[in-house]
């Protein structure tokens, strides 16, 4: 299921409020919370290095924010470079 722009922006806002502006602006500026497949949230970012860092360090915070917005359980967060997807 593709997320709507409203859902994407709401998750972005929640993640920003959890992580704070310094971390969010540094790592998440080009992020889009794009789709869900069962209990997996797919997140796309422009930079492969940032994708690895976001997935390794912030998956829990992302899943908590997404669950709050979507009211759906998120078991896994996959952060992928946008170049691999499109």
Foldseek 3Di string as FASTA:
>chain_A
DWDDPVLFVQLLVQLCVVPDDVVCVVQPPAKTQTDDDQQETEIEGADAVSQVVCQVPPFVSSQVSSCVSVVHHHDHYHYYYPVVVD
